[in-house]
ModelCIF file with pLDDT and N, C-alpha, C, O atoms, coordinates in Angstrom:
data_MODEL
#
_entry.id   MODEL 
#
_entity.id                         1 
_entity.type                       polymer 
_entity.pdbx_number_of_molecules   1 
#
_entity_poly.entity_id                      1 
_entity_poly.type                           'polypeptide(L)' 
_entity_poly.nstd_linkage                   no 
_entity_poly.nstd_monomer                   no 
_entity_poly.pdbx_seq_one_letter_code       
;(UNK)(UNK)(UNK)(UNK)(UNK)(UNK)(UNK)(UNK)(UNK)(UNK)(UNK)(UNK)(UNK)(UNK)(UNK)(UNK)
(UNK)(UNK)(UNK)(UNK)(UNK)(UNK)(UNK)(UNK)(UNK)(UNK)(UNK)(UNK)(UNK)(UNK)(UNK)(UNK)
(UNK)(UNK)(UNK)(UNK)(UNK)(UNK)(UNK)(UNK)(UNK)(UNK)(UNK)
;
_entity_poly.pdbx_seq_one_letter_code_can   XXXXXXXXXXXXXXXXXXXXXXXXXXXXXXXXXXXXXXXXXXX 
_entity_poly.pdbx_strand_id                 A 
#
loop_
_entity_poly_seq.entity_id 
_entity_poly_seq.num 
_entity_poly_seq.mon_id 
_entity_poly_seq.hetero 
1 1  UNK n 
1 2  UNK n 
1 3  UNK n 
1 4  UNK n 
1 5  UNK n 
1 6  UNK n 
1 7  UNK n 
1 8  UNK n 
1 9  UNK n 
1 10 UNK n 
1 11 UNK n 
1 12 UNK n 
1 13 UNK n 
1 14 UNK n 
1 15 UNK n 
1 16 UNK n 
1 17 UNK n 
1 18 UNK n 
1 19 UNK n 
1 20 UNK n 
1 21 UNK n 
1 22 UNK n 
1 23 UNK n 
1 24 UNK n 
1 25 UNK n 
1 26 UNK n 
1 27 UNK n 
1 28 UNK n 
1 29 UNK n 
1 30 UNK n 
1 31 UNK n 
1 32 UNK n 
1 33 UNK n 
1 34 UNK n 
1 35 UNK n 
1 36 UNK n 
1 37 UNK n 
1 38 UNK n 
1 39 UNK n 
1 40 UNK n 
1 41 UNK n 
1 42 UNK n 
1 43 UNK n 
#
_struct_asym.id          A 
_struct_asym.entity_id   1 
#
loop_
_ma_qa_metric.id 
_ma_qa_metric.mode 
_ma_qa_metric.name 
_ma_qa_metric.software_group_id 
_ma_qa_metric.type 
1 global pLDDT . pLDDT 
2 local  pLDDT . pLDDT 
#
_ma_qa_metric_global.metric_id      1 
_ma_qa_metric_global.metric_value   96.67 
_ma_qa_metric_global.model_id       1 
_ma_qa_metric_global.ordinal_id     1 
#
loop_
_ma_qa_metric_local.label_asym_id 
_ma_qa_metric_local.label_comp_id 
_ma_qa_metric_local.label_seq_id 
_ma_qa_metric_local.metric_id 
_ma_qa_metric_local.metric_value 
_ma_qa_metric_local.model_id 
_ma_qa_metric_local.ordinal_id 
A UNK 1  2 96.00 1 1  
A UNK 2  2 94.00 1 2  
A UNK 3  2 93.00 1 3  
A UNK 4  2 92.00 1 4  
A UNK 5  2 95.00 1 5  
A UNK 6  2 96.00 1 6  
A UNK 7  2 97.00 1 7  
A UNK 8  2 97.00 1 8  
A UNK 9  2 98.00 1 9  
A UNK 10 2 97.00 1 10 
A UNK 11 2 97.00 1 11 
A UNK 12 2 98.00 1 12 
A UNK 13 2 97.00 1 13 
A UNK 14 2 97.00 1 14 
A UNK 15 2 98.00 1 15 
A UNK 16 2 98.00 1 16 
A UNK 17 2 98.00 1 17 
A UNK 18 2 98.00 1 18 
A UNK 19 2 98.00 1 19 
A UNK 20 2 98.00 1 20 
A UNK 21 2 98.00 1 21 
A UNK 22 2 98.00 1 22 
A UNK 23 2 98.00 1 23 
A UNK 24 2 98.00 1 24 
A UNK 25 2 98.00 1 25 
A UNK 26 2 98.00 1 26 
A UNK 27 2 98.00 1 27 
A UNK 28 2 97.00 1 28 
A UNK 29 2 98.00 1 29 
A UNK 30 2 96.00 1 30 
A UNK 31 2 97.00 1 31 
A UNK 32 2 97.00 1 32 
A UNK 33 2 96.00 1 33 
A UNK 34 2 94.00 1 34 
A UNK 35 2 94.00 1 35 
A UNK 36 2 95.00 1 36 
A UNK 37 2 96.00 1 37 
A UNK 38 2 97.00 1 38 
A UNK 39 2 97.00 1 39 
A UNK 40 2 96.00 1 40 
A UNK 41 2 96.00 1 41 
A UNK 42 2 97.00 1 42 
A UNK 43 2 96.00 1 43 
#
loop_
_atom_site.group_PDB 
_atom_site.id 
_atom_site.type_symbol 
_atom_site.label_atom_id 
_atom_site.label_alt_id 
_atom_site.label_comp_id 
_atom_site.label_asym_id 
_atom_site.label_entity_id 
_atom_site.label_seq_id 
_atom_site.pdbx_PDB_ins_code 
_atom_site.Cartn_x 
_atom_site.Cartn_y 
_atom_site.Cartn_z 
_atom_site.occupancy 
_atom_site.B_iso_or_equiv 
_atom_site.pdbx_formal_charge 
_atom_site.auth_seq_id 
_atom_site.auth_comp_id 
_atom_site.auth_asym_id 
_atom_site.auth_atom_id 
_atom_site.pdbx_PDB_model_num 
ATOM 1   N N  . UNK A 1 1  ? 0.836   -1.196  0.000  1.00 96.00 ? 1  UNK A N  1 
ATOM 2   C CA . UNK A 1 1  ? 0.000   0.000   0.000  1.00 96.00 ? 1  UNK A CA 1 
ATOM 3   C C  . UNK A 1 1  ? 0.871   1.247   0.000  1.00 96.00 ? 1  UNK A C  1 
ATOM 4   O O  . UNK A 1 1  ? 0.586   2.212   -0.708 1.00 96.00 ? 1  UNK A O  1 
ATOM 5   N N  . UNK A 1 2  ? 1.937   1.222   0.797  1.00 94.00 ? 2  UNK A N  1 
ATOM 6   C CA . UNK A 1 2  ? 2.842   2.368   0.874  1.00 94.00 ? 2  UNK A CA 1 
ATOM 7   C C  . UNK A 1 2  ? 3.506   2.653   -0.471 1.00 94.00 ? 2  UNK A C  1 
ATOM 8   O O  . UNK A 1 2  ? 3.805   3.804   -0.790 1.00 94.00 ? 2  UNK A O  1 
ATOM 9   N N  . UNK A 1 3  ? 3.736   1.604   -1.255 1.00 93.00 ? 3  UNK A N  1 
ATOM 10  C CA . UNK A 1 3  ? 4.374   1.757   -2.562 1.00 93.00 ? 3  UNK A CA 1 
ATOM 11  C C  . UNK A 1 3  ? 3.353   1.988   -3.680 1.00 93.00 ? 3  UNK A C  1 
ATOM 12  O O  . UNK A 1 3  ? 3.712   2.081   -4.854 1.00 93.00 ? 3  UNK A O  1 
ATOM 13  N N  . UNK A 1 4  ? 2.068   2.079   -3.294 1.00 92.00 ? 4  UNK A N  1 
ATOM 14  C CA . UNK A 1 4  ? 0.967   2.282   -4.243 1.00 92.00 ? 4  UNK A CA 1 
ATOM 15  C C  . UNK A 1 4  ? 0.883   1.153   -5.266 1.00 92.00 ? 4  UNK A C  1 
ATOM 16  O O  . UNK A 1 4  ? 0.520   1.357   -6.425 1.00 92.00 ? 4  UNK A O  1 
ATOM 17  N N  . UNK A 1 5  ? 1.229   -0.039  -4.799 1.00 95.00 ? 5  UNK A N  1 
ATOM 18  C CA . UNK A 1 5  ? 1.148   -1.225  -5.650 1.00 95.00 ? 5  UNK A CA 1 
ATOM 19  C C  . UNK A 1 5  ? 0.001   -2.127  -5.230 1.00 95.00 ? 5  UNK A C  1 
ATOM 20  O O  . UNK A 1 5  ? -0.486  -2.933  -6.022 1.00 95.00 ? 5  UNK A O  1 
ATOM 21  N N  . UNK A 1 6  ? -0.430  -1.988  -3.978 1.00 96.00 ? 6  UNK A N  1 
ATOM 22  C CA . UNK A 1 6  ? -1.479  -2.840  -3.442 1.00 96.00 ? 6  UNK A CA 1 
ATOM 23  C C  . UNK A 1 6  ? -2.688  -2.066  -2.972 1.00 96.00 ? 6  UNK A C  1 
ATOM 24  O O  . UNK A 1 6  ? -2.861  -0.891  -3.298 1.00 96.00 ? 6  UNK A O  1 
ATOM 25  N N  . UNK A 1 7  ? -3.524  -2.743  -2.199 1.00 97.00 ? 7  UNK A N  1 
ATOM 26  C CA . UNK A 1 7  ? -4.799  -2.180  -1.741 1.00 97.00 ? 7  UNK A CA 1 
ATOM 27  C C  . UNK A 1 7  ? -4.785  -2.060  -0.225 1.00 97.00 ? 7  UNK A C  1 
ATOM 28  O O  . UNK A 1 7  ? -4.368  -2.987  0.469  1.00 97.00 ? 7  UNK A O  1 
ATOM 29  N N  . UNK A 1 8  ? -5.234  -0.932  0.289  1.00 97.00 ? 8  UNK A N  1 
ATOM 30  C CA . UNK A 1 8  ? -5.400  -0.753  1.733  1.00 97.00 ? 8  UNK A CA 1 
ATOM 31  C C  . UNK A 1 8  ? -6.704  -1.449  2.132  1.00 97.00 ? 8  UNK A C  1 
ATOM 32  O O  . UNK A 1 8  ? -7.782  -0.863  2.038  1.00 97.00 ? 8  UNK A O  1 
ATOM 33  N N  . UNK A 1 9  ? -6.596  -2.689  2.572  1.00 98.00 ? 9  UNK A N  1 
ATOM 34  C CA . UNK A 1 9  ? -7.789  -3.500  2.833  1.00 98.00 ? 9  UNK A CA 1 
ATOM 35  C C  . UNK A 1 9  ? -8.633  -2.932  3.969  1.00 98.00 ? 9  UNK A C  1 
ATOM 36  O O  . UNK A 1 9  ? -9.844  -3.152  4.010  1.00 98.00 ? 9  UNK A O  1 
ATOM 37  N N  . UNK A 1 10 ? -8.010  -2.211  4.883  1.00 97.00 ? 10 UNK A N  1 
ATOM 38  C CA . UNK A 1 10 ? -8.780  -1.650  5.995  1.00 97.00 ? 10 UNK A CA 1 
ATOM 39  C C  . UNK A 1 10 ? -9.807  -0.632  5.512  1.00 97.00 ? 10 UNK A C  1 
ATOM 40  O O  . UNK A 1 10 ? -10.813 -0.396  6.182  1.00 97.00 ? 10 UNK A O  1 
ATOM 41  N N  . UNK A 1 11 ? -9.558  -0.029  4.349  1.00 97.00 ? 11 UNK A N  1 
ATOM 42  C CA . UNK A 1 11 ? -10.473 0.975   3.805  1.00 97.00 ? 11 UNK A CA 1 
ATOM 43  C C  . UNK A 1 11 ? -11.673 0.349   3.089  1.00 97.00 ? 11 UNK A C  1 
ATOM 44  O O  . UNK A 1 11 ? -12.596 1.060   2.691  1.00 97.00 ? 11 UNK A O  1 
ATOM 45  N N  . UNK A 1 12 ? -11.662 -0.961  2.926  1.00 98.00 ? 12 UNK A N  1 
ATOM 46  C CA . UNK A 1 12 ? -12.758 -1.646  2.236  1.00 98.00 ? 12 UNK A CA 1 
ATOM 47  C C  . UNK A 1 12 ? -13.838 -2.120  3.205  1.00 98.00 ? 12 UNK A C  1 
ATOM 48  O O  . UNK A 1 12 ? -14.911 -2.551  2.784  1.00 98.00 ? 12 UNK A O  1 
ATOM 49  N N  . UNK A 1 13 ? -13.556 -2.042  4.480  1.00 97.00 ? 13 UNK A N  1 
ATOM 50  C CA . UNK A 1 13 ? -14.425 -2.634  5.507  1.00 97.00 ? 13 UNK A CA 1 
ATOM 51  C C  . UNK A 1 13 ? -15.844 -2.079  5.479  1.00 97.00 ? 13 UNK A C  1 
ATOM 52  O O  . UNK A 1 13 ? -16.805 -2.849  5.489  1.00 97.00 ? 13 UNK A O  1 
ATOM 53  N N  . UNK A 1 14 ? -15.990 -0.773  5.445  1.00 97.00 ? 14 UNK A N  1 
ATOM 54  C CA . UNK A 1 14 ? -17.324 -0.177  5.507  1.00 97.00 ? 14 UNK A CA 1 
ATOM 55  C C  . UNK A 1 14 ? -18.142 -0.486  4.256  1.00 97.00 ? 14 UNK A C  1 
ATOM 56  O O  . UNK A 1 14 ? -19.332 -0.788  4.349  1.00 97.00 ? 14 UNK A O  1 
ATOM 57  N N  . UNK A 1 15 ? -17.509 -0.413  3.089  1.00 98.00 ? 15 UNK A N  1 
ATOM 58  C CA . UNK A 1 15 ? -18.220 -0.713  1.839  1.00 98.00 ? 15 UNK A CA 1 
ATOM 59  C C  . UNK A 1 15 ? -18.661 -2.164  1.815  1.00 98.00 ? 15 UNK A C  1 
ATOM 60  O O  . UNK A 1 15 ? -19.768 -2.482  1.380  1.00 98.00 ? 15 UNK A O  1 
ATOM 61  N N  . UNK A 1 16 ? -17.778 -3.048  2.290  1.00 98.00 ? 16 UNK A N  1 
ATOM 62  C CA . UNK A 1 16 ? -18.112 -4.469  2.350  1.00 98.00 ? 16 UNK A CA 1 
ATOM 63  C C  . UNK A 1 16 ? -19.285 -4.700  3.301  1.00 98.00 ? 16 UNK A C  1 
ATOM 64  O O  . UNK A 1 16 ? -20.222 -5.427  2.969  1.00 98.00 ? 16 UNK A O  1 
ATOM 65  N N  . UNK A 1 17 ? -19.236 -4.086  4.471  1.00 98.00 ? 17 UNK A N  1 
ATOM 66  C CA . UNK A 1 17 ? -20.293 -4.285  5.459  1.00 98.00 ? 17 UNK A CA 1 
ATOM 67  C C  . UNK A 1 17 ? -21.633 -3.789  4.923  1.00 98.00 ? 17 UNK A C  1 
ATOM 68  O O  . UNK A 1 17 ? -22.654 -4.448  5.117  1.00 98.00 ? 17 UNK A O  1 
ATOM 69  N N  . UNK A 1 18 ? -21.643 -2.653  4.263  1.00 98.00 ? 18 UNK A N  1 
ATOM 70  C CA . UNK A 1 18 ? -22.891 -2.135  3.702  1.00 98.00 ? 18 UNK A CA 1 
ATOM 71  C C  . UNK A 1 18 ? -23.458 -3.072  2.644  1.00 98.00 ? 18 UNK A C  1 
ATOM 72  O O  . UNK A 1 18 ? -24.671 -3.267  2.562  1.00 98.00 ? 18 UNK A O  1 
ATOM 73  N N  . UNK A 1 19 ? -22.578 -3.649  1.841  1.00 98.00 ? 19 UNK A N  1 
ATOM 74  C CA . UNK A 1 19 ? -22.993 -4.604  0.818  1.00 98.00 ? 19 UNK A CA 1 
ATOM 75  C C  . UNK A 1 19 ? -23.605 -5.848  1.461  1.00 98.00 ? 19 UNK A C  1 
ATOM 76  O O  . UNK A 1 19 ? -24.654 -6.335  1.037  1.00 98.00 ? 19 UNK A O  1 
ATOM 77  N N  . UNK A 1 20 ? -22.933 -6.342  2.478  1.00 98.00 ? 20 UNK A N  1 
ATOM 78  C CA . UNK A 1 20 ? -23.403 -7.534  3.186  1.00 98.00 ? 20 UNK A CA 1 
ATOM 79  C C  . UNK A 1 20 ? -24.703 -7.240  3.931  1.00 98.00 ? 20 UNK A C  1 
ATOM 80  O O  . UNK A 1 20 ? -25.636 -8.042  3.898  1.00 98.00 ? 20 UNK A O  1 
ATOM 81  N N  . UNK A 1 21 ? -24.760 -6.106  4.594  1.00 98.00 ? 21 UNK A N  1 
ATOM 82  C CA . UNK A 1 21 ? -25.952 -5.729  5.364  1.00 98.00 ? 21 UNK A CA 1 
ATOM 83  C C  . UNK A 1 21 ? -27.184 -5.655  4.475  1.00 98.00 ? 21 UNK A C  1 
ATOM 84  O O  . UNK A 1 21 ? -28.246 -6.154  4.846  1.00 98.00 ? 21 UNK A O  1 
ATOM 85  N N  . UNK A 1 22 ? -27.053 -5.034  3.300  1.00 98.00 ? 22 UNK A N  1 
ATOM 86  C CA . UNK A 1 22 ? -28.193 -4.908  2.388  1.00 98.00 ? 22 UNK A CA 1 
ATOM 87  C C  . UNK A 1 22 ? -28.694 -6.279  1.952  1.00 98.00 ? 22 UNK A C  1 
ATOM 88  O O  . UNK A 1 22 ? -29.900 -6.511  1.861  1.00 98.00 ? 22 UNK A O  1 
ATOM 89  N N  . UNK A 1 23 ? -27.758 -7.184  1.685  1.00 98.00 ? 23 UNK A N  1 
ATOM 90  C CA . UNK A 1 23 ? -28.137 -8.525  1.241  1.00 98.00 ? 23 UNK A CA 1 
ATOM 91  C C  . UNK A 1 23 ? -28.796 -9.315  2.364  1.00 98.00 ? 23 UNK A C  1 
ATOM 92  O O  . UNK A 1 23 ? -29.827 -9.951  2.146  1.00 98.00 ? 23 UNK A O  1 
ATOM 93  N N  . UNK A 1 24 ? -28.219 -9.284  3.555  1.00 98.00 ? 24 UNK A N  1 
ATOM 94  C CA . UNK A 1 24 ? -28.788 -10.022 4.677  1.00 98.00 ? 24 UNK A CA 1 
ATOM 95  C C  . UNK A 1 24 ? -30.165 -9.482  5.063  1.00 98.00 ? 24 UNK A C  1 
ATOM 96  O O  . UNK A 1 24 ? -31.057 -10.241 5.441  1.00 98.00 ? 24 UNK A O  1 
ATOM 97  N N  . UNK A 1 25 ? -30.323 -8.186  4.964  1.00 98.00 ? 25 UNK A N  1 
ATOM 98  C CA . UNK A 1 25 ? -31.621 -7.588  5.263  1.00 98.00 ? 25 UNK A CA 1 
ATOM 99  C C  . UNK A 1 25 ? -32.670 -8.072  4.268  1.00 98.00 ? 25 UNK A C  1 
ATOM 100 O O  . UNK A 1 25 ? -33.794 -8.402  4.647  1.00 98.00 ? 25 UNK A O  1 
ATOM 101 N N  . UNK A 1 26 ? -32.292 -8.111  2.988  1.00 98.00 ? 26 UNK A N  1 
ATOM 102 C CA . UNK A 1 26 ? -33.216 -8.604  1.969  1.00 98.00 ? 26 UNK A CA 1 
ATOM 103 C C  . UNK A 1 26 ? -33.523 -10.077 2.179  1.00 98.00 ? 26 UNK A C  1 
ATOM 104 O O  . UNK A 1 26 ? -34.611 -10.546 1.845  1.00 98.00 ? 26 UNK A O  1 
ATOM 105 N N  . UNK A 1 27 ? -32.568 -10.801 2.731  1.00 98.00 ? 27 UNK A N  1 
ATOM 106 C CA . UNK A 1 27 ? -32.739 -12.233 2.984  1.00 98.00 ? 27 UNK A CA 1 
ATOM 107 C C  . UNK A 1 27 ? -33.449 -12.501 4.309  1.00 98.00 ? 27 UNK A C  1 
ATOM 108 O O  . UNK A 1 27 ? -33.589 -13.655 4.714  1.00 98.00 ? 27 UNK A O  1 
ATOM 109 N N  . UNK A 1 28 ? -33.894 -11.454 4.977  1.00 97.00 ? 28 UNK A N  1 
ATOM 110 C CA . UNK A 1 28 ? -34.571 -11.537 6.284  1.00 97.00 ? 28 UNK A CA 1 
ATOM 111 C C  . UNK A 1 28 ? -33.696 -12.211 7.339  1.00 97.00 ? 28 UNK A C  1 
ATOM 112 O O  . UNK A 1 28 ? -34.182 -12.952 8.193  1.00 97.00 ? 28 UNK A O  1 
ATOM 113 N N  . UNK A 1 29 ? -32.390 -11.934 7.257  1.00 98.00 ? 29 UNK A N  1 
ATOM 114 C CA . UNK A 1 29 ? -31.436 -12.505 8.202  1.00 98.00 ? 29 UNK A CA 1 
ATOM 115 C C  . UNK A 1 29 ? -30.876 -11.410 9.105  1.00 98.00 ? 29 UNK A C  1 
ATOM 116 O O  . UNK A 1 29 ? -30.757 -10.253 8.702  1.00 98.00 ? 29 UNK A O  1 
ATOM 117 N N  . UNK A 1 30 ? -30.539 -11.793 10.319 1.00 96.00 ? 30 UNK A N  1 
ATOM 118 C CA . UNK A 1 30 ? -29.947 -10.848 11.268 1.00 96.00 ? 30 UNK A CA 1 
ATOM 119 C C  . UNK A 1 30 ? -28.558 -10.439 10.799 1.00 96.00 ? 30 UNK A C  1 
ATOM 120 O O  . UNK A 1 30 ? -27.777 -11.275 10.344 1.00 96.00 ? 30 UNK A O  1 
ATOM 121 N N  . UNK A 1 31 ? -28.255 -9.156  10.912 1.00 97.00 ? 31 UNK A N  1 
ATOM 122 C CA . UNK A 1 31 ? -26.932 -8.648  10.529 1.00 97.00 ? 31 UNK A CA 1 
ATOM 123 C C  . UNK A 1 31 ? -26.030 -8.683  11.758 1.00 97.00 ? 31 UNK A C  1 
ATOM 124 O O  . UNK A 1 31 ? -26.320 -7.999  12.740 1.00 97.00 ? 31 UNK A O  1 
ATOM 125 N N  . UNK A 1 32 ? -24.946 -9.455  11.738 1.00 97.00 ? 32 UNK A N  1 
ATOM 126 C CA . UNK A 1 32 ? -24.051 -9.533  12.907 1.00 97.00 ? 32 UNK A CA 1 
ATOM 127 C C  . UNK A 1 32 ? -23.328 -8.210  13.163 1.00 97.00 ? 32 UNK A C  1 
ATOM 128 O O  . UNK A 1 32 ? -23.329 -7.310  12.323 1.00 97.00 ? 32 UNK A O  1 
ATOM 129 N N  . UNK A 1 33 ? -22.723 -8.119  14.318 1.00 96.00 ? 33 UNK A N  1 
ATOM 130 C CA . UNK A 1 33 ? -21.999 -6.920  14.727 1.00 96.00 ? 33 UNK A CA 1 
ATOM 131 C C  . UNK A 1 33 ? -20.640 -6.865  14.029 1.00 96.00 ? 33 UNK A C  1 
ATOM 132 O O  . UNK A 1 33 ? -19.832 -7.784  14.165 1.00 96.00 ? 33 UNK A O  1 
ATOM 133 N N  . UNK A 1 34 ? -20.392 -5.803  13.292 1.00 94.00 ? 34 UNK A N  1 
ATOM 134 C CA . UNK A 1 34 ? -19.124 -5.674  12.574 1.00 94.00 ? 34 UNK A CA 1 
ATOM 135 C C  . UNK A 1 34 ? -17.955 -5.518  13.535 1.00 94.00 ? 34 UNK A C  1 
ATOM 136 O O  . UNK A 1 34 ? -16.810 -5.786  13.170 1.00 94.00 ? 34 UNK A O  1 
ATOM 137 N N  . UNK A 1 35 ? -18.237 -5.084  14.762 1.00 94.00 ? 35 UNK A N  1 
ATOM 138 C CA . UNK A 1 35 ? -17.175 -4.877  15.749 1.00 94.00 ? 35 UNK A CA 1 
ATOM 139 C C  . UNK A 1 35 ? -16.995 -6.072  16.682 1.00 94.00 ? 35 UNK A C  1 
ATOM 140 O O  . UNK A 1 35 ? -16.303 -5.976  17.696 1.00 94.00 ? 35 UNK A O  1 
ATOM 141 N N  . UNK A 1 36 ? -17.615 -7.187  16.341 1.00 95.00 ? 36 UNK A N  1 
ATOM 142 C CA . UNK A 1 36 ? -17.467 -8.393  17.153 1.00 95.00 ? 36 UNK A CA 1 
ATOM 143 C C  . UNK A 1 36 ? -16.025 -8.904  17.088 1.00 95.00 ? 36 UNK A C  1 
ATOM 144 O O  . UNK A 1 36 ? -15.273 -8.535  16.186 1.00 95.00 ? 36 UNK A O  1 
ATOM 145 N N  . UNK A 1 37 ? -15.646 -9.753  18.046 1.00 96.00 ? 37 UNK A N  1 
ATOM 146 C CA . UNK A 1 37 ? -14.304 -10.345 18.052 1.00 96.00 ? 37 UNK A CA 1 
ATOM 147 C C  . UNK A 1 37 ? -14.099 -11.190 16.798 1.00 96.00 ? 37 UNK A C  1 
ATOM 148 O O  . UNK A 1 37 ? -15.014 -11.882 16.353 1.00 96.00 ? 37 UNK A O  1 
ATOM 149 N N  . UNK A 1 38 ? -12.894 -11.130 16.231 1.00 97.00 ? 38 UNK A N  1 
ATOM 150 C CA . UNK A 1 38 ? -12.599 -11.832 14.985 1.00 97.00 ? 38 UNK A CA 1 
ATOM 151 C C  . UNK A 1 38 ? -11.345 -12.700 15.113 1.00 97.00 ? 38 UNK A C  1 
ATOM 152 O O  . UNK A 1 38 ? -10.394 -12.347 15.810 1.00 97.00 ? 38 UNK A O  1 
ATOM 153 N N  . UNK A 1 39 ? -11.369 -13.836 14.427 1.00 97.00 ? 39 UNK A N  1 
ATOM 154 C CA . UNK A 1 39 ? -10.179 -14.678 14.311 1.00 97.00 ? 39 UNK A CA 1 
ATOM 155 C C  . UNK A 1 39 ? -9.162  -14.001 13.388 1.00 97.00 ? 39 UNK A C  1 
ATOM 156 O O  . UNK A 1 39 ? -9.523  -13.224 12.505 1.00 97.00 ? 39 UNK A O  1 
ATOM 157 N N  . UNK A 1 40 ? -7.896  -14.313 13.612 1.00 96.00 ? 40 UNK A N  1 
ATOM 158 C CA . UNK A 1 40 ? -6.856  -13.826 12.713 1.00 96.00 ? 40 UNK A CA 1 
ATOM 159 C C  . UNK A 1 40 ? -5.664  -14.775 12.777 1.00 96.00 ? 40 UNK A C  1 
ATOM 160 O O  . UNK A 1 40 ? -5.616  -15.666 13.624 1.00 96.00 ? 40 UNK A O  1 
ATOM 161 N N  . UNK A 1 41 ? -4.710  -14.579 11.882 1.00 96.00 ? 41 UNK A N  1 
ATOM 162 C CA . UNK A 1 41 ? -3.494  -15.386 11.910 1.00 96.00 ? 41 UNK A CA 1 
ATOM 163 C C  . UNK A 1 41 ? -3.142  -16.034 10.590 1.00 96.00 ? 41 UNK A C  1 
ATOM 164 O O  . UNK A 1 41 ? -1.979  -16.368 10.365 1.00 96.00 ? 41 UNK A O  1 
ATOM 165 N N  . UNK A 1 42 ? -4.118  -16.224 9.705  1.00 97.00 ? 42 UNK A N  1 
ATOM 166 C CA . UNK A 1 42 ? -3.849  -16.918 8.449  1.00 97.00 ? 42 UNK A CA 1 
ATOM 167 C C  . UNK A 1 42 ? -2.786  -16.245 7.599  1.00 97.00 ? 42 UNK A C  1 
ATOM 168 O O  . UNK A 1 42 ? -1.952  -16.920 6.995  1.00 97.00 ? 42 UNK A O  1 
ATOM 169 N N  . UNK A 1 43 ? -2.811  -14.928 7.548  1.00 96.00 ? 43 UNK A N  1 
ATOM 170 C CA . UNK A 1 43 ? -1.840  -14.197 6.733  1.00 96.00 ? 43 UNK A CA 1 
ATOM 171 C C  . UNK A 1 43 ? -0.417  -14.345 7.279  1.00 96.00 ? 43 UNK A C  1 
ATOM 172 O O  . UNK A 1 43 ? 0.524   -13.791 6.709  1.00 96.00 ? 43 UNK A O  1 
#
């Protein structure tokens, strides 16, 4: 990201959540908390 070769993935979070929220709402499903605890380590 610093070299302007990649993507700042942290900046995609809100757009992704809005996309997911709209779909889950249409599917009559509960939208989970975006600030919930998350697994990490794969990278």
